[in-house]
Amino acid sequence: MSNLGTTKDCKMANKNTPKTTPSKTATPAAPAAKATASYKPTQEEIAARAFEIYQRYGGNDQENWLRAERELIARGRR
């Protein structure tokens, strides 16, 4: 078993850790992109769209699934 130290040791290490300041050159994410980036279609939505793609264009199931997922995510961002 390794010796991880005590809680007191951890607190002391935190006090002695040098503080860093955030970079001034970092640019914040655009609010619109942040709000819509969380959209994730359900498996049922992806499956339905993948089947539509298969019926119309053929192809294999994995490629159709990935295409359907990309399309649905893109639609959700609008």
N, C-alpha and C. Protein backbone atom coordinates (compact mmCIF):
# COMPACT_ATOMS: atom_id res chain seq x y z
N MET A 1 0.85 -1.17 0.00
CA MET A 1 0.00 0.00 0.00
C MET A 1 0.89 1.24 0.00
N SER A 2 0.56 2.21 -0.78
CA SER A 2 1.39 3.41 -0.86
C SER A 2 1.02 4.40 0.23
N ASN A 3 1.97 5.23 0.60
CA ASN A 3 1.76 6.25 1.61
C ASN A 3 1.32 7.53 0.92
N LEU A 4 0.06 7.88 1.05
CA LEU A 4 -0.48 9.06 0.39
C LEU A 4 -0.39 10.31 1.27
N GLY A 5 -0.02 10.15 2.50
CA GLY A 5 0.10 11.31 3.38
C GLY A 5 -1.22 11.61 4.06
N THR A 6 -1.20 12.65 4.88
CA THR A 6 -2.40 13.02 5.62
C THR A 6 -3.07 14.21 4.97
N THR A 7 -4.23 14.53 5.45
CA THR A 7 -4.95 15.69 4.94
C THR A 7 -4.14 16.96 5.18
N LYS A 8 -3.46 17.02 6.31
CA LYS A 8 -2.64 18.18 6.63
C LYS A 8 -1.54 18.35 5.58
N ASP A 9 -0.93 17.23 5.15
CA ASP A 9 0.11 17.29 4.13
C ASP A 9 -0.44 17.86 2.83
N CYS A 10 -1.65 17.46 2.47
CA CYS A 10 -2.26 17.94 1.23
C CYS A 10 -2.53 19.44 1.30
N LYS A 11 -3.00 19.91 2.46
CA LYS A 11 -3.28 21.34 2.61
C LYS A 11 -1.99 22.14 2.51
N MET A 12 -0.94 21.63 3.08
CA MET A 12 0.33 22.34 3.04
C MET A 12 0.86 22.40 1.61
N ALA A 13 0.69 21.31 0.88
CA ALA A 13 1.16 21.29 -0.50
C ALA A 13 0.40 22.32 -1.32
N ASN A 14 -0.89 22.48 -1.07
CA ASN A 14 -1.68 23.46 -1.81
C ASN A 14 -1.24 24.88 -1.50
N LYS A 15 -0.84 25.16 -0.25
CA LYS A 15 -0.39 26.50 0.11
C LYS A 15 0.92 26.84 -0.59
N ASN A 16 1.76 25.84 -0.80
CA ASN A 16 3.07 26.08 -1.37
C ASN A 16 3.09 26.00 -2.90
N THR A 17 1.98 25.61 -3.48
CA THR A 17 1.91 25.50 -4.94
C THR A 17 1.83 26.90 -5.53
N PRO A 18 2.69 27.20 -6.50
CA PRO A 18 2.64 28.54 -7.08
C PRO A 18 1.33 28.77 -7.82
N LYS A 19 0.82 29.97 -7.68
CA LYS A 19 -0.44 30.30 -8.35
C LYS A 19 -0.14 30.77 -9.76
N THR A 20 -0.98 30.34 -10.66
CA THR A 20 -0.83 30.76 -12.05
C THR A 20 -1.97 31.68 -12.41
N THR A 21 -1.72 32.54 -13.34
CA THR A 21 -2.76 33.44 -13.81
C THR A 21 -3.21 32.98 -15.18
N PRO A 22 -4.48 33.16 -15.49
CA PRO A 22 -4.95 32.74 -16.81
C PRO A 22 -4.30 33.57 -17.91
N SER A 23 -4.12 32.95 -19.03
CA SER A 23 -3.52 33.61 -20.17
C SER A 23 -4.43 34.72 -20.68
N LYS A 24 -3.84 35.85 -20.99
CA LYS A 24 -4.63 36.97 -21.50
C LYS A 24 -4.93 36.80 -22.98
N THR A 25 -4.25 35.88 -23.65
CA THR A 25 -4.46 35.69 -25.08
C THR A 25 -5.58 34.70 -25.35
N ALA A 26 -6.06 33.99 -24.34
CA ALA A 26 -7.13 33.02 -24.56
C ALA A 26 -8.41 33.75 -24.93
N THR A 27 -9.12 33.20 -25.91
CA THR A 27 -10.38 33.80 -26.32
C THR A 27 -11.52 32.93 -25.83
N PRO A 28 -12.55 33.52 -25.26
CA PRO A 28 -13.67 32.74 -24.78
C PRO A 28 -14.49 32.18 -25.95
N ALA A 29 -15.15 31.05 -25.69
CA ALA A 29 -15.99 30.45 -26.72
C ALA A 29 -17.20 31.35 -26.99
N ALA A 30 -17.66 31.33 -28.21
CA ALA A 30 -18.83 32.12 -28.58
C ALA A 30 -20.05 31.57 -27.85
N PRO A 31 -20.88 32.43 -27.27
CA PRO A 31 -22.04 31.95 -26.51
C PRO A 31 -22.99 31.11 -27.34
N ALA A 32 -23.20 31.45 -28.61
CA ALA A 32 -24.13 30.70 -29.45
C ALA A 32 -23.63 29.28 -29.67
N ALA A 33 -22.34 29.12 -29.90
CA ALA A 33 -21.78 27.79 -30.13
C ALA A 33 -21.84 26.97 -28.84
N LYS A 34 -21.65 27.58 -27.72
CA LYS A 34 -21.65 26.89 -26.45
C LYS A 34 -23.04 26.34 -26.13
N ALA A 35 -24.07 27.12 -26.42
CA ALA A 35 -25.42 26.71 -26.10
C ALA A 35 -25.89 25.55 -26.98
N THR A 36 -25.48 25.49 -28.22
CA THR A 36 -25.98 24.47 -29.13
C THR A 36 -25.07 23.26 -29.21
N ALA A 37 -23.86 23.35 -28.70
CA ALA A 37 -22.92 22.24 -28.78
C ALA A 37 -23.39 21.05 -27.97
N SER A 38 -24.31 21.24 -27.03
CA SER A 38 -24.75 20.16 -26.17
C SER A 38 -25.85 19.31 -26.81
N TYR A 39 -26.35 19.68 -27.99
CA TYR A 39 -27.41 18.90 -28.62
C TYR A 39 -26.88 17.53 -29.04
N LYS A 40 -27.58 16.49 -28.62
CA LYS A 40 -27.20 15.13 -29.00
C LYS A 40 -28.48 14.39 -29.35
N PRO A 41 -28.60 13.97 -30.61
CA PRO A 41 -29.79 13.24 -31.01
C PRO A 41 -29.89 11.88 -30.31
N THR A 42 -31.11 11.39 -30.13
CA THR A 42 -31.30 10.09 -29.50
C THR A 42 -30.94 8.98 -30.49
N GLN A 43 -30.75 7.79 -29.98
CA GLN A 43 -30.44 6.66 -30.85
C GLN A 43 -31.59 6.37 -31.80
N GLU A 44 -32.81 6.59 -31.33
CA GLU A 44 -33.98 6.36 -32.18
C GLU A 44 -33.99 7.34 -33.35
N GLU A 45 -33.66 8.61 -33.09
CA GLU A 45 -33.60 9.61 -34.17
C GLU A 45 -32.51 9.26 -35.18
N ILE A 46 -31.36 8.86 -34.67
CA ILE A 46 -30.25 8.50 -35.56
C ILE A 46 -30.62 7.28 -36.39
N ALA A 47 -31.22 6.27 -35.75
CA ALA A 47 -31.59 5.04 -36.45
C ALA A 47 -32.61 5.33 -37.55
N ALA A 48 -33.59 6.17 -37.25
CA ALA A 48 -34.61 6.50 -38.25
C ALA A 48 -33.98 7.21 -39.45
N ARG A 49 -33.11 8.19 -39.17
CA ARG A 49 -32.46 8.92 -40.26
C ARG A 49 -31.51 8.01 -41.04
N ALA A 50 -30.78 7.14 -40.36
CA ALA A 50 -29.88 6.21 -41.04
C ALA A 50 -30.66 5.28 -41.96
N PHE A 51 -31.84 4.86 -41.53
CA PHE A 51 -32.66 4.00 -42.37
C PHE A 51 -33.16 4.76 -43.61
N GLU A 52 -33.53 6.03 -43.41
CA GLU A 52 -33.94 6.87 -44.56
C GLU A 52 -32.80 6.98 -45.57
N ILE A 53 -31.61 7.19 -45.07
CA ILE A 53 -30.42 7.30 -45.94
C ILE A 53 -30.22 5.99 -46.68
N TYR A 54 -30.35 4.87 -45.98
CA TYR A 54 -30.18 3.55 -46.60
C TYR A 54 -31.21 3.33 -47.71
N GLN A 55 -32.47 3.68 -47.42
CA GLN A 55 -33.52 3.48 -48.41
C GLN A 55 -33.28 4.32 -49.66
N ARG A 56 -32.78 5.50 -49.47
CA ARG A 56 -32.60 6.41 -50.61
C ARG A 56 -31.30 6.17 -51.37
N TYR A 57 -30.21 5.95 -50.63
CA TYR A 57 -28.88 5.90 -51.25
C TYR A 57 -28.18 4.56 -51.14
N GLY A 58 -28.68 3.65 -50.31
CA GLY A 58 -27.96 2.40 -50.08
C GLY A 58 -26.81 2.65 -49.11
N GLY A 59 -25.71 1.95 -49.31
CA GLY A 59 -24.55 2.13 -48.43
C GLY A 59 -24.54 1.12 -47.31
N ASN A 60 -23.55 1.27 -46.43
CA ASN A 60 -23.50 0.33 -45.31
C ASN A 60 -24.02 0.99 -44.03
N ASP A 61 -24.39 0.15 -43.08
CA ASP A 61 -25.05 0.65 -41.88
C ASP A 61 -24.20 1.59 -41.04
N GLN A 62 -22.91 1.31 -40.93
CA GLN A 62 -22.05 2.16 -40.09
C GLN A 62 -21.87 3.54 -40.72
N GLU A 63 -21.62 3.60 -42.00
CA GLU A 63 -21.48 4.89 -42.68
C GLU A 63 -22.78 5.68 -42.61
N ASN A 64 -23.91 4.99 -42.81
CA ASN A 64 -25.20 5.67 -42.75
C ASN A 64 -25.49 6.19 -41.35
N TRP A 65 -25.11 5.43 -40.33
CA TRP A 65 -25.31 5.86 -38.95
C TRP A 65 -24.52 7.13 -38.67
N LEU A 66 -23.25 7.13 -39.06
CA LEU A 66 -22.40 8.30 -38.81
C LEU A 66 -22.90 9.52 -39.58
N ARG A 67 -23.33 9.30 -40.82
CA ARG A 67 -23.87 10.41 -41.61
C ARG A 67 -25.14 10.96 -40.97
N ALA A 68 -26.02 10.08 -40.54
CA ALA A 68 -27.26 10.50 -39.90
C ALA A 68 -26.97 11.30 -38.63
N GLU A 69 -26.02 10.83 -37.85
CA GLU A 69 -25.66 11.53 -36.61
C GLU A 69 -25.13 12.93 -36.91
N ARG A 70 -24.24 13.04 -37.90
CA ARG A 70 -23.70 14.35 -38.28
C ARG A 70 -24.81 15.29 -38.75
N GLU A 71 -25.71 14.78 -39.58
CA GLU A 71 -26.81 15.61 -40.11
C GLU A 71 -27.71 16.11 -38.99
N LEU A 72 -28.08 15.22 -38.08
CA LEU A 72 -28.98 15.60 -37.00
C LEU A 72 -28.33 16.61 -36.04
N ILE A 73 -27.06 16.44 -35.77
CA ILE A 73 -26.36 17.40 -34.91
C ILE A 73 -26.29 18.76 -35.60
N ALA A 74 -26.02 18.76 -36.90
CA ALA A 74 -25.97 20.02 -37.65
C ALA A 74 -27.32 20.71 -37.65
N ARG A 75 -28.40 19.96 -37.79
CA ARG A 75 -29.74 20.55 -37.76
C ARG A 75 -30.06 21.13 -36.39
N GLY A 76 -29.59 20.47 -35.34
CA GLY A 76 -29.85 20.93 -33.98
C GLY A 76 -29.14 22.24 -33.67
N ARG A 77 -28.07 22.53 -34.37
CA ARG A 77 -27.30 23.76 -34.14
C ARG A 77 -27.98 24.97 -34.74
N ARG A 78 -28.89 24.78 -35.67
CA ARG A 78 -29.53 25.91 -36.36
C ARG A 78 -30.58 26.56 -35.52
